[in-house]
Amino acid sequence: METIGHLNPSYVIQRYIEVSQLPNLIKYLEKLIETPTITSKTMQSYNNILNDYNKDYTALLLNCYVKMKQKDKIADLIKKSENQRQGDSIFDIDTAIEVCRQQFETLDQAEDLAEKSKNYKLLVQIKIENRHDNLAALNIIDKQINNLKEKVQCLQQYVPKLMKSNVDDQKAALYRQD
């Protein structure tokens, strides 16, 4: 922790990247992310670069939480991101969703992030590919996706999988006319 501000973070991260060192890496990344950025106006461009690095560090931290199955820490990190000003997220949402999709135990967080960010195409993908809940995916396409082009793209991408599943409710939903 004493190295923050003195050593390049990538050097420290390399030292802790092994699985046996993940708890130490988590502690380091938590401290690194909490370290305030410089606020003087002359350092504004430096802060923008630092914020980009912080997103990378936060993605790595989220990845560590997922590997260690620390759902509470993941939830706290997501909540912390929601408390940020619009556009100042502490991590890239799409990256966070993909990281959370890696483990079955964190699919709920991936779905929540996709829904809150209104990334319905990714939510449909999670429902079909991870949850195998085709009916829920169809309901999302039907009710949540308002853009006709996106709706058609989702259907084109997933109709073959949906038709193979041979569930009458799903087929009825596909052919339903409002």
Foldseek 3Di string as FASTA:
>chain_A
DVCQVPDDVVVVCVVQVDPVSLVVLLVVLVVNLPDDDDDDPVCVVVVVVVLVVQQVSVLVNLLSCVVVVVVVVNVVLVVVQVPDDPPSGSYDLVSSLVSLLPDLSSNVVSLVSCVVVLVLLVNLVCCCVPVVNNVVSLCCLVPRDPDPVSSVVSCVVCVVVQVVVPDPVSVCSVPDDD
